[in-house]
Amino acid sequence: MVTATSGLFLEPRTAQFRVEMRLFAETLQLGTRVPAKHCLAAVSVGARVIFYFCERMPTSATIQVGLALPMAVYLHRVSFSGLINGQYGDRPVARAGGAVGIRGSIHWLQG
């Protein structure tokens, strides 16, 4: 269980960040009249999602830059849509992007 005193044994920057997140959740609770438990959960989930993508994107971008040269050699072009496909893979975002043509594949729409 996370309590207000559990930050005593953490690194100062980590403890400060946790205090700021709790203060943000408290401000959210005062502004929306939603129970504090739900506000803490919303702030926690939101921060985790943001950190997940902040950790994932540099790694994925580095891999895509590394694969740009083989794509140029074998396909004789480097397309922006190829880099977007690699970023999102087979996720629903890529499928939705394919439906509006971001993936750049007309053949996918035909069948």
Foldseek 3Di string as FASTA:
>chain_A
DDDLPPLVPPDVVVNVVVVVLLVVLVVVCVVPVDDSVVSSVVSVVVVVVVVVCVVLVVVQQVVLVVCQVVCCVPVVDRDPLVSVCSSQPPDVVNVVCVVVCSNVDVVVVVD
